[in-house]
């Protein structure tokens, strides 16, 4: 493999991971909206503790955009940027299938610390289909 293929494959891997993590945040927002509760009160609480790792992938994605523009040229850069942007809107994300287990595990952890809060979060997840 040459450096062009490595750049594109690296970008695809980082982009998919970042899309997965973005979907997780969107799912927590959906749960908050379904429950008619402010996101900061519940959505941010059910995200796993490791969720801030998302920032690494966001920076890596933008760094790879810059590398693609620099090493492969502006035409490749624009194509990759537009393709990733459009696909982010088009690809359906099966929220419940991907994130149900993660949210349930986090609620279990919360329940171990505070049983009342855990029961409340379980009810919210159940009412929102998670």
Foldseek 3Di string as FASTA:
>chain_A
DDPLVVLVVVLVVLLVVLLLLVLLLVLLVLLCVLVVHDSVVTSVQLQDPPSVCSVVSVVVNVVSLVVCCVPVHDVRSVVVVVVSVVCSVVDDDPSCVSCVVSSLVSLVVVCVVPVVSSVVNVVSCVSSVD
